Amino acid sequence: MTISSEYGTLIIERDFWSGNHPLGHMPLLVSPEKDDDMTTLAAKGYTTDGVPVYLWSYGNYKYEVEVKKVNFSDCHVFDASFNEAVDKFKERAINGLTMY
């Protein structure tokens, strides 16, 4: 199955059969443009509680601020200039800021 979105074309393929999935095959999301998309770590820091915070750059003014909690990640993806992205990152990351 092929799905078009504003971010490109996605292809859903079927995974191998697994007895852990009683409903049958589990779909996998596969992007044919995966090799073209570069995710770059732009900055790293920590909250006041010592939780790691990352600023990821996807290119074309698309950024993500990820707060890596113990059992999950709190992620916020947005479109902004680099300076605006750094400002949003600094709202979450208070200590040990490292820019790449």
PDB file of N, CA and C in Angstrom:
ATOM      1  N   MET A   1       0.845  -1.166   0.000  1.00  0.00           N
ATOM      2  CA  MET A   1       0.000   0.000   0.000  1.00  0.00           C
ATOM      3  C   MET A   1       0.894   1.233   0.000  1.00  0.00           C
ATOM      4  N   THR A   2       0.581   2.209  -0.819  1.00  0.00           N
ATOM      5  CA  THR A   2       1.337   3.455  -0.909  1.00  0.00           C
ATOM      6  C   THR A   2       0.475   4.600  -0.400  1.00  0.00           C
ATOM      7  N   ILE A   3       1.059   5.460   0.444  1.00  0.00           N
ATOM      8  CA  ILE A   3       0.363   6.607   1.004  1.00  0.00           C
ATOM      9  C   ILE A   3       1.188   7.845   0.721  1.00  0.00           C
ATOM     10  N   SER A   4       0.552   8.878   0.165  1.00  0.00           N
ATOM     11  CA  SER A   4       1.247  10.143  -0.083  1.00  0.00           C
ATOM     12  C   SER A   4       0.891  11.123   1.015  1.00  0.00           C
ATOM     13  N   SER A   5       1.888  11.881   1.465  1.00  0.00           N
ATOM     14  CA  SER A   5       1.661  12.915   2.462  1.00  0.00           C
ATOM     15  C   SER A   5       2.510  14.115   2.100  1.00  0.00           C
ATOM     16  N   GLU A   6       2.412  15.171   2.906  1.00  0.00           N
ATOM     17  CA  GLU A   6       3.196  16.371   2.641  1.00  0.00           C
ATOM     18  C   GLU A   6       4.693  16.120   2.835  1.00  0.00           C
ATOM     19  N   TYR A   7       5.065  15.013   3.499  1.00  0.00           N
ATOM     20  CA  TYR A   7       6.464  14.702   3.758  1.00  0.00           C
ATOM     21  C   TYR A   7       7.049  13.713   2.762  1.00  0.00           C
ATOM     22  N   GLY A   8       6.251  13.270   1.804  1.00  0.00           N
ATOM     23  CA  GLY A   8       6.747  12.333   0.802  1.00  0.00           C
ATOM     24  C   GLY A   8       5.833  11.134   0.697  1.00  0.00           C
ATOM     25  N   THR A   9       6.272  10.133  -0.005  1.00  0.00           N
ATOM     26  CA  THR A   9       5.494   8.925  -0.217  1.00  0.00           C
ATOM     27  C   THR A   9       5.968   7.836   0.731  1.00  0.00           C
ATOM     28  N   LEU A  10       5.016   7.196   1.409  1.00  0.00           N
ATOM     29  CA  LEU A  10       5.327   6.111   2.332  1.00  0.00           C
ATOM     30  C   LEU A  10       4.787   4.808   1.764  1.00  0.00           C
ATOM     31  N   ILE A  11       5.471   3.742   2.021  1.00  0.00           N
ATOM     32  CA  ILE A  11       5.032   2.428   1.591  1.00  0.00           C
ATOM     33  C   ILE A  11       4.855   1.571   2.832  1.00  0.00           C
ATOM     34  N   ILE A  12       3.691   0.942   2.963  1.00  0.00           N
ATOM     35  CA  ILE A  12       3.448   0.033   4.076  1.00  0.00           C
ATOM     36  C   ILE A  12       3.660  -1.378   3.548  1.00  0.00           C
ATOM     37  N   GLU A  13       4.568  -2.101   4.187  1.00  0.00           N
ATOM     38  CA  GLU A  13       4.842  -3.482   3.812  1.00  0.00           C
ATOM     39  C   GLU A  13       4.478  -4.381   4.974  1.00  0.00           C
ATOM     40  N   ARG A  14       4.293  -5.638   4.691  1.00  0.00           N
ATOM     41  CA  ARG A  14       3.973  -6.602   5.741  1.00  0.00           C
ATOM     42  C   ARG A  14       5.254  -7.182   6.327  1.00  0.00           C
ATOM     43  N   ASP A  15       5.234  -7.335   7.631  1.00  0.00           N
ATOM     44  CA  ASP A  15       6.346  -7.953   8.351  1.00  0.00           C
ATOM     45  C   ASP A  15       6.196  -9.471   8.245  1.00  0.00           C
ATOM     46  N   PHE A  16       7.199 -10.193   8.689  1.00  0.00           N
ATOM     47  CA  PHE A  16       7.130 -11.648   8.709  1.00  0.00           C
ATOM     48  C   PHE A  16       6.084 -12.101   9.725  1.00  0.00           C
ATOM     49  N   TRP A  17       5.597 -13.320   9.563  1.00  0.00           N
ATOM     50  CA  TRP A  17       4.612 -13.874  10.489  1.00  0.00           C
ATOM     51  C   TRP A  17       5.261 -14.121  11.840  1.00  0.00           C
ATOM     52  N   SER A  18       4.560 -13.756  12.895  1.00  0.00           N
ATOM     53  CA  SER A  18       5.064 -13.984  14.236  1.00  0.00           C
ATOM     54  C   SER A  18       3.934 -14.484  15.111  1.00  0.00           C
ATOM     55  N   GLY A  19       4.198 -15.513  15.877  1.00  0.00           N
ATOM     56  CA  GLY A  19       3.198 -16.037  16.796  1.00  0.00           C
ATOM     57  C   GLY A  19       2.848 -15.070  17.903  1.00  0.00           C
ATOM     58  N   ASN A  20       3.680 -14.047  18.102  1.00  0.00           N
ATOM     59  CA  ASN A  20       3.400 -13.039  19.123  1.00  0.00           C
ATOM     60  C   ASN A  20       2.288 -12.086  18.709  1.00  0.00           C
ATOM     61  N   HIS A  21       1.904 -12.134  17.441  1.00  0.00           N
ATOM     62  CA  HIS A  21       0.865 -11.248  16.926  1.00  0.00           C
ATOM     63  C   HIS A  21      -0.322 -12.099  16.480  1.00  0.00           C
ATOM     64  N   PRO A  22      -1.276 -12.380  17.371  1.00  0.00           N
ATOM     65  CA  PRO A  22      -2.364 -13.295  17.045  1.00  0.00           C
ATOM     66  C   PRO A  22      -3.241 -12.820  15.892  1.00  0.00           C
ATOM     67  N   LEU A  23      -3.185 -11.550  15.549  1.00  0.00           N
ATOM     68  CA  LEU A  23      -3.998 -11.044  14.446  1.00  0.00           C
ATOM     69  C   LEU A  23      -3.314 -11.221  13.097  1.00  0.00           C
ATOM     70  N   GLY A  24      -2.130 -11.776  13.076  1.00  0.00           N
ATOM     71  CA  GLY A  24      -1.447 -12.010  11.811  1.00  0.00           C
ATOM     72  C   GLY A  24      -0.224 -11.143  11.668  1.00  0.00           C
ATOM     73  N   HIS A  25       0.025 -10.736  10.457  1.00  0.00           N
ATOM     74  CA  HIS A  25       1.203  -9.937  10.152  1.00  0.00           C
ATOM     75  C   HIS A  25       1.069  -8.530  10.724  1.00  0.00           C
ATOM     76  N   MET A  26       2.202  -7.953  11.089  1.00  0.00           N
ATOM     77  CA  MET A  26       2.222  -6.572  11.565  1.00  0.00           C
ATOM     78  C   MET A  26       2.760  -5.693  10.452  1.00  0.00           C
ATOM     79  N   PRO A  27       2.083  -4.585  10.130  1.00  0.00           N
ATOM     80  CA  PRO A  27       2.583  -3.725   9.055  1.00  0.00           C
ATOM     81  C   PRO A  27       3.821  -2.953   9.485  1.00  0.00           C
ATOM     82  N   LEU A  28       4.726  -2.753   8.559  1.00  0.00           N
ATOM     83  CA  LEU A  28       5.911  -1.939   8.777  1.00  0.00           C
ATOM     84  C   LEU A  28       5.789  -0.692   7.918  1.00  0.00           C
ATOM     85  N   LEU A  29       6.224   0.424   8.429  1.00  0.00           N
ATOM     86  CA  LEU A  29       6.230   1.660   7.666  1.00  0.00           C
ATOM     87  C   LEU A  29       7.604   1.834   7.056  1.00  0.00           C
ATOM     88  N   VAL A  30       7.679   1.873   5.747  1.00  0.00           N
ATOM     89  CA  VAL A  30       8.955   1.950   5.054  1.00  0.00           C
ATOM     90  C   VAL A  30       8.925   3.143   4.117  1.00  0.00           C
ATOM     91  N   SER A  31       9.932   3.969   4.186  1.00  0.00           N
ATOM     92  CA  SER A  31      10.024   5.118   3.299  1.00  0.00           C
ATOM     93  C   SER A  31      11.090   4.856   2.246  1.00  0.00           C
ATOM     94  N   PRO A  32      10.735   4.946   0.958  1.00  0.00           N
ATOM     95  CA  PRO A  32      11.745   4.726  -0.076  1.00  0.00           C
ATOM     96  C   PRO A  32      12.790   5.827  -0.112  1.00  0.00           C
ATOM     97  N   GLU A  33      12.504   6.976   0.516  1.00  0.00           N
ATOM     98  CA  GLU A  33      13.429   8.098   0.510  1.00  0.00           C
ATOM     99  C   GLU A  33      14.263   8.136   1.786  1.00  0.00           C
ATOM    100  N   LYS A  34      14.302   7.047   2.526  1.00  0.00           N
ATOM    101  CA  LYS A  34      14.974   7.035   3.824  1.00  0.00           C
ATOM    102  C   LYS A  34      16.437   7.438   3.714  1.00  0.00           C
ATOM    103  N   ASP A  35      17.119   6.983   2.695  1.00  0.00           N
ATOM    104  CA  ASP A  35      18.535   7.304   2.555  1.00  0.00           C
ATOM    105  C   ASP A  35      18.766   8.774   2.239  1.00  0.00           C
ATOM    106  N   ASP A  36      17.752   9.444   1.680  1.00  0.00           N
ATOM    107  CA  ASP A  36      17.895  10.850   1.326  1.00  0.00           C
ATOM    108  C   ASP A  36      17.682  11.772   2.524  1.00  0.00           C
ATOM    109  N   ASP A  37      16.965  11.285   3.528  1.00  0.00           N
ATOM    110  CA  ASP A  37      16.646  12.111   4.687  1.00  0.00           C
ATOM    111  C   ASP A  37      17.769  12.000   5.712  1.00  0.00           C
ATOM    112  N   MET A  38      18.348  13.126   6.058  1.00  0.00           N
ATOM    113  CA  MET A  38      19.427  13.141   7.036  1.00  0.00           C
ATOM    114  C   MET A  38      18.897  13.705   8.349  1.00  0.00           C
ATOM    115  N   THR A  39      19.073  12.964   9.415  1.00  0.00           N
ATOM    116  CA  THR A  39      18.755  13.445  10.747  1.00  0.00           C
ATOM    117  C   THR A  39      20.081  13.768  11.415  1.00  0.00           C
ATOM    118  N   THR A  40      20.211  14.997  11.888  1.00  0.00           N
ATOM    119  CA  THR A  40      21.469  15.457  12.455  1.00  0.00           C
ATOM    120  C   THR A  40      21.243  15.936  13.883  1.00  0.00           C
ATOM    121  N   LEU A  41      22.096  15.484  14.781  1.00  0.00           N
ATOM    122  CA  LEU A  41      22.049  15.982  16.147  1.00  0.00           C
ATOM    123  C   LEU A  41      22.643  17.387  16.161  1.00  0.00           C
ATOM    124  N   ALA A  42      21.809  18.366  16.503  1.00  0.00           N
ATOM    125  CA  ALA A  42      22.247  19.759  16.491  1.00  0.00           C
ATOM    126  C   ALA A  42      22.698  20.233  17.867  1.00  0.00           C
ATOM    127  N   ALA A  43      22.100  19.663  18.937  1.00  0.00           N
ATOM    128  CA  ALA A  43      22.461  20.091  20.290  1.00  0.00           C
ATOM    129  C   ALA A  43      22.027  19.037  21.304  1.00  0.00           C
ATOM    130  N   LYS A  44      22.695  19.053  22.449  1.00  0.00           N
ATOM    131  CA  LYS A  44      22.359  18.155  23.554  1.00  0.00           C
ATOM    132  C   LYS A  44      22.476  18.941  24.844  1.00  0.00           C
ATOM    133  N   GLY A  45      21.600  18.650  25.782  1.00  0.00           N
ATOM    134  CA  GLY A  45      21.634  19.292  27.086  1.00  0.00           C
ATOM    135  C   GLY A  45      20.848  18.464  28.078  1.00  0.00           C
ATOM    136  N   TYR A  46      20.607  19.028  29.252  1.00  0.00           N
ATOM    137  CA  TYR A  46      19.898  18.318  30.307  1.00  0.00           C
ATOM    138  C   TYR A  46      18.906  19.248  30.988  1.00  0.00           C
ATOM    139  N   THR A  47      17.803  18.667  31.474  1.00  0.00           N
ATOM    140  CA  THR A  47      16.846  19.436  32.259  1.00  0.00           C
ATOM    141  C   THR A  47      17.444  19.656  33.652  1.00  0.00           C
ATOM    142  N   THR A  48      16.735  20.394  34.481  1.00  0.00           N
ATOM    143  CA  THR A  48      17.205  20.610  35.851  1.00  0.00           C
ATOM    144  C   THR A  48      17.235  19.306  36.641  1.00  0.00           C
ATOM    145  N   ASP A  49      16.462  18.298  36.199  1.00  0.00           N
ATOM    146  CA  ASP A  49      16.436  16.990  36.857  1.00  0.00           C
ATOM    147  C   ASP A  49      17.474  16.029  36.284  1.00  0.00           C
ATOM    148  N   GLY A  50      18.280  16.482  35.312  1.00  0.00           N
ATOM    149  CA  GLY A  50      19.293  15.631  34.719  1.00  0.00           C
ATOM    150  C   GLY A  50      18.806  14.750  33.578  1.00  0.00           C
ATOM    151  N   VAL A  51      17.598  15.012  33.061  1.00  0.00           N
ATOM    152  CA  VAL A  51      17.051  14.232  31.948  1.00  0.00           C
ATOM    153  C   VAL A  51      17.646  14.768  30.642  1.00  0.00           C
ATOM    154  N   PRO A  52      18.171  13.888  29.763  1.00  0.00           N
ATOM    155  CA  PRO A  52      18.764  14.347  28.505  1.00  0.00           C
ATOM    156  C   PRO A  52      17.730  14.981  27.569  1.00  0.00           C
ATOM    157  N   VAL A  53      18.146  16.053  26.899  1.00  0.00           N
ATOM    158  CA  VAL A  53      17.314  16.739  25.905  1.00  0.00           C
ATOM    159  C   VAL A  53      18.148  16.861  24.632  1.00  0.00           C
ATOM    160  N   TYR A  54      17.548  16.531  23.486  1.00  0.00           N
ATOM    161  CA  TYR A  54      18.236  16.578  22.206  1.00  0.00           C
ATOM    162  C   TYR A  54      17.514  17.498  21.247  1.00  0.00           C
ATOM    163  N   LEU A  55      18.267  18.212  20.422  1.00  0.00           N
ATOM    164  CA  LEU A  55      17.710  18.983  19.311  1.00  0.00           C
ATOM    165  C   LEU A  55      18.158  18.294  18.033  1.00  0.00           C
ATOM    166  N   TRP A  56      17.189  17.770  17.275  1.00  0.00           N
ATOM    167  CA  TRP A  56      17.471  17.085  16.017  1.00  0.00           C
ATOM    168  C   TRP A  56      17.085  17.976  14.858  1.00  0.00           C
ATOM    169  N   SER A  57      17.905  17.992  13.821  1.00  0.00           N
ATOM    170  CA  SER A  57      17.610  18.737  12.595  1.00  0.00           C
ATOM    171  C   SER A  57      17.291  17.733  11.492  1.00  0.00           C
ATOM    172  N   TYR A  58      16.145  17.931  10.828  1.00  0.00           N
ATOM    173  CA  TYR A  58      15.753  17.074   9.714  1.00  0.00           C
ATOM    174  C   TYR A  58      16.015  17.747   8.372  1.00  0.00           C
ATOM    175  N   GLY A  59      16.533  18.970   8.393  1.00  0.00           N
ATOM    176  CA  GLY A  59      16.747  19.718   7.154  1.00  0.00           C
ATOM    177  C   GLY A  59      15.489  20.480   6.759  1.00  0.00           C
ATOM    178  N   ASN A  60      15.650  21.419   5.838  1.00  0.00           N
ATOM    179  CA  ASN A  60      14.522  22.220   5.339  1.00  0.00           C
ATOM    180  C   ASN A  60      13.733  22.882   6.471  1.00  0.00           C
ATOM    181  N   TYR A  61      14.444  23.391   7.476  1.00  0.00           N
ATOM    182  CA  TYR A  61      13.850  24.133   8.592  1.00  0.00           C
ATOM    183  C   TYR A  61      12.933  23.280   9.470  1.00  0.00           C
ATOM    184  N   LYS A  62      13.104  21.968   9.488  1.00  0.00           N
ATOM    185  CA  LYS A  62      12.313  21.080  10.336  1.00  0.00           C
ATOM    186  C   LYS A  62      13.209  20.584  11.467  1.00  0.00           C
ATOM    187  N   TYR A  63      12.727  20.756  12.708  1.00  0.00           N
ATOM    188  CA  TYR A  63      13.494  20.388  13.895  1.00  0.00           C
ATOM    189  C   TYR A  63      12.633  19.585  14.862  1.00  0.00           C
ATOM    190  N   GLU A  64      13.310  18.891  15.781  1.00  0.00           N
ATOM    191  CA  GLU A  64      12.624  18.144  16.827  1.00  0.00           C
ATOM    192  C   GLU A  64      13.370  18.331  18.138  1.00  0.00           C
ATOM    193  N   VAL A  65      12.626  18.643  19.191  1.00  0.00           N
ATOM    194  CA  VAL A  65      13.177  18.671  20.548  1.00  0.00           C
ATOM    195  C   VAL A  65      12.693  17.394  21.218  1.00  0.00           C
ATOM    196  N   GLU A  66      13.642  16.565  21.657  1.00  0.00           N
ATOM    197  CA  GLU A  66      13.324  15.279  22.280  1.00  0.00           C
ATOM    198  C   GLU A  66      13.820  15.287  23.718  1.00  0.00           C
ATOM    199  N   VAL A  67      12.909  15.031  24.649  1.00  0.00           N
ATOM    200  CA  VAL A  67      13.261  14.870  26.057  1.00  0.00           C
ATOM    201  C   VAL A  67      13.209  13.375  26.340  1.00  0.00           C
ATOM    202  N   LYS A  68      14.355  12.783  26.610  1.00  0.00           N
ATOM    203  CA  LYS A  68      14.493  11.320  26.723  1.00  0.00           C
ATOM    204  C   LYS A  68      14.230  10.897  28.166  1.00  0.00           C
ATOM    205  N   LYS A  69      12.975  10.594  28.489  1.00  0.00           N
ATOM    206  CA  LYS A  69      12.621  10.170  29.844  1.00  0.00           C
ATOM    207  C   LYS A  69      12.945   8.689  30.027  1.00  0.00           C
ATOM    208  N   VAL A  70      12.725   8.146  31.200  1.00  0.00           N
ATOM    209  CA  VAL A  70      13.114   6.770  31.509  1.00  0.00           C
ATOM    210  C   VAL A  70      12.407   5.758  30.605  1.00  0.00           C
ATOM    211  N   ASN A  71      11.100   5.841  30.503  1.00  0.00           N
ATOM    212  CA  ASN A  71      10.336   4.845  29.759  1.00  0.00           C
ATOM    213  C   ASN A  71       9.833   5.325  28.400  1.00  0.00           C
ATOM    214  N   PHE A  72      10.005   6.594  28.080  1.00  0.00           N
ATOM    215  CA  PHE A  72       9.508   7.120  26.816  1.00  0.00           C
ATOM    216  C   PHE A  72      10.220   8.419  26.483  1.00  0.00           C
ATOM    217  N   SER A  73      10.010   8.901  25.268  1.00  0.00           N
ATOM    218  CA  SER A  73      10.562  10.189  24.839  1.00  0.00           C
ATOM    219  C   SER A  73       9.420  11.159  24.588  1.00  0.00           C
ATOM    220  N   ASP A  74       9.562  12.368  25.086  1.00  0.00           N
ATOM    221  CA  ASP A  74       8.607  13.443  24.824  1.00  0.00           C
ATOM    222  C   ASP A  74       9.176  14.247  23.666  1.00  0.00           C
ATOM    223  N   CYS A  75       8.524  14.182  22.500  1.00  0.00           N
ATOM    224  CA  CYS A  75       9.061  14.800  21.281  1.00  0.00           C
ATOM    225  C   CYS A  75       8.142  15.891  20.763  1.00  0.00           C
ATOM    226  N   HIS A  76       8.752  16.944  20.261  1.00  0.00           N
ATOM    227  CA  HIS A  76       8.015  18.047  19.650  1.00  0.00           C
ATOM    228  C   HIS A  76       8.696  18.382  18.332  1.00  0.00           C
ATOM    229  N   VAL A  77       8.003  18.137  17.214  1.00  0.00           N
ATOM    230  CA  VAL A  77       8.530  18.419  15.878  1.00  0.00           C
ATOM    231  C   VAL A  77       7.895  19.713  15.382  1.00  0.00           C
ATOM    232  N   PHE A  78       8.713  20.585  14.782  1.00  0.00           N
ATOM    233  CA  PHE A  78       8.210  21.891  14.350  1.00  0.00           C
ATOM    234  C   PHE A  78       9.069  22.436  13.215  1.00  0.00           C
ATOM    235  N   ASP A  79       8.525  23.416  12.519  1.00  0.00           N
ATOM    236  CA  ASP A  79       9.239  24.144  11.470  1.00  0.00           C
ATOM    237  C   ASP A  79       9.687  25.481  12.044  1.00  0.00           C
ATOM    238  N   ALA A  80      10.967  25.796  11.891  1.00  0.00           N
ATOM    239  CA  ALA A  80      11.503  27.055  12.427  1.00  0.00           C
ATOM    240  C   ALA A  80      12.888  27.291  11.847  1.00  0.00           C
ATOM    241  N   SER A  81      13.376  28.510  12.052  1.00  0.00           N
ATOM    242  CA  SER A  81      14.770  28.786  11.700  1.00  0.00           C
ATOM    243  C   SER A  81      15.656  28.139  12.757  1.00  0.00           C
ATOM    244  N   PHE A  82      16.945  28.054  12.496  1.00  0.00           N
ATOM    245  CA  PHE A  82      17.858  27.437  13.450  1.00  0.00           C
ATOM    246  C   PHE A  82      17.836  28.182  14.777  1.00  0.00           C
ATOM    247  N   ASN A  83      17.854  29.507  14.745  1.00  0.00           N
ATOM    248  CA  ASN A  83      17.862  30.295  15.987  1.00  0.00           C
ATOM    249  C   ASN A  83      16.589  30.080  16.796  1.00  0.00           C
ATOM    250  N   GLU A  84      15.437  29.995  16.118  1.00  0.00           N
ATOM    251  CA  GLU A  84      14.181  29.725  16.820  1.00  0.00           C
ATOM    252  C   GLU A  84      14.194  28.319  17.429  1.00  0.00           C
ATOM    253  N   ALA A  85      14.754  27.354  16.696  1.00  0.00           N
ATOM    254  CA  ALA A  85      14.847  25.982  17.198  1.00  0.00           C
ATOM    255  C   ALA A  85      15.735  25.920  18.436  1.00  0.00           C
ATOM    256  N   VAL A  86      16.848  26.640  18.414  1.00  0.00           N
ATOM    257  CA  VAL A  86      17.746  26.664  19.571  1.00  0.00           C
ATOM    258  C   VAL A  86      17.039  27.299  20.766  1.00  0.00           C
ATOM    259  N   ASP A  87      16.260  28.340  20.539  1.00  0.00           N
ATOM    260  CA  ASP A  87      15.517  28.973  21.635  1.00  0.00           C
ATOM    261  C   ASP A  87      14.527  27.988  22.268  1.00  0.00           C
ATOM    262  N   LYS A  88      13.797  27.223  21.428  1.00  0.00           N
ATOM    263  CA  LYS A  88      12.869  26.217  21.962  1.00  0.00           C
ATOM    264  C   LYS A  88      13.618  25.128  22.714  1.00  0.00           C
ATOM    265  N   PHE A  89      14.772  24.737  22.198  1.00  0.00           N
ATOM    266  CA  PHE A  89      15.609  23.739  22.862  1.00  0.00           C
ATOM    267  C   PHE A  89      16.050  24.244  24.231  1.00  0.00           C
ATOM    268  N   LYS A  90      16.479  25.499  24.309  1.00  0.00           N
ATOM    269  CA  LYS A  90      16.965  26.068  25.569  1.00  0.00           C
ATOM    270  C   LYS A  90      15.862  26.235  26.610  1.00  0.00           C
ATOM    271  N   GLU A  91      14.595  26.251  26.171  1.00  0.00           N
ATOM    272  CA  GLU A  91      13.486  26.289  27.123  1.00  0.00           C
ATOM    273  C   GLU A  91      13.423  24.985  27.922  1.00  0.00           C
ATOM    274  N   ARG A  92      13.847  23.874  27.303  1.00  0.00           N
ATOM    275  CA  ARG A  92      13.804  22.562  27.962  1.00  0.00           C
ATOM    276  C   ARG A  92      15.154  22.173  28.547  1.00  0.00           C
ATOM    277  N   ALA A  93      16.226  22.453  27.815  1.00  0.00           N
ATOM    278  CA  ALA A  93      17.565  22.071  28.255  1.00  0.00           C
ATOM    279  C   ALA A  93      18.203  23.245  28.991  1.00  0.00           C
ATOM    280  N   ILE A  94      18.444  23.061  30.268  1.00  0.00           N
ATOM    281  CA  ILE A  94      18.966  24.136  31.092  1.00  0.00           C
ATOM    282  C   ILE A  94      20.454  23.956  31.382  1.00  0.00           C
ATOM    283  N   ASN A  95      20.887  22.727  31.583  1.00  0.00           N
ATOM    284  CA  ASN A  95      22.257  22.440  32.007  1.00  0.00           C
ATOM    285  C   ASN A  95      23.051  21.711  30.919  1.00  0.00           C
ATOM    286  N   GLY A  96      24.370  21.890  30.925  1.00  0.00           N
ATOM    287  CA  GLY A  96      25.276  21.127  30.076  1.00  0.00           C
ATOM    288  C   GLY A  96      24.991  21.216  28.598  1.00  0.00           C
ATOM    289  N   LEU A  97      24.725  22.420  28.112  1.00  0.00           N
ATOM    290  CA  LEU A  97      24.389  22.585  26.695  1.00  0.00           C
ATOM    291  C   LEU A  97      25.613  22.385  25.808  1.00  0.00           C
ATOM    292  N   THR A  98      25.451  21.544  24.795  1.00  0.00           N
ATOM    293  CA  THR A  98      26.493  21.306  23.806  1.00  0.00           C
ATOM    294  C   THR A  98      25.876  21.480  22.433  1.00  0.00           C
ATOM    295  N   MET A  99      26.432  22.387  21.635  1.00  0.00           N
ATOM    296  CA  MET A  99      25.945  22.615  20.268  1.00  0.00           C
ATOM    297  C   MET A  99      26.887  21.903  19.321  1.00  0.00           C
ATOM    298  N   TYR A 100      26.324  21.263  18.280  1.00  0.00           N
ATOM    299  CA  TYR A 100      27.139  20.548  17.303  1.00  0.00           C
ATOM    300  C   TYR A 100      27.126  21.255  15.976  1.00  0.00           C
TER     301      TYR A 100
END
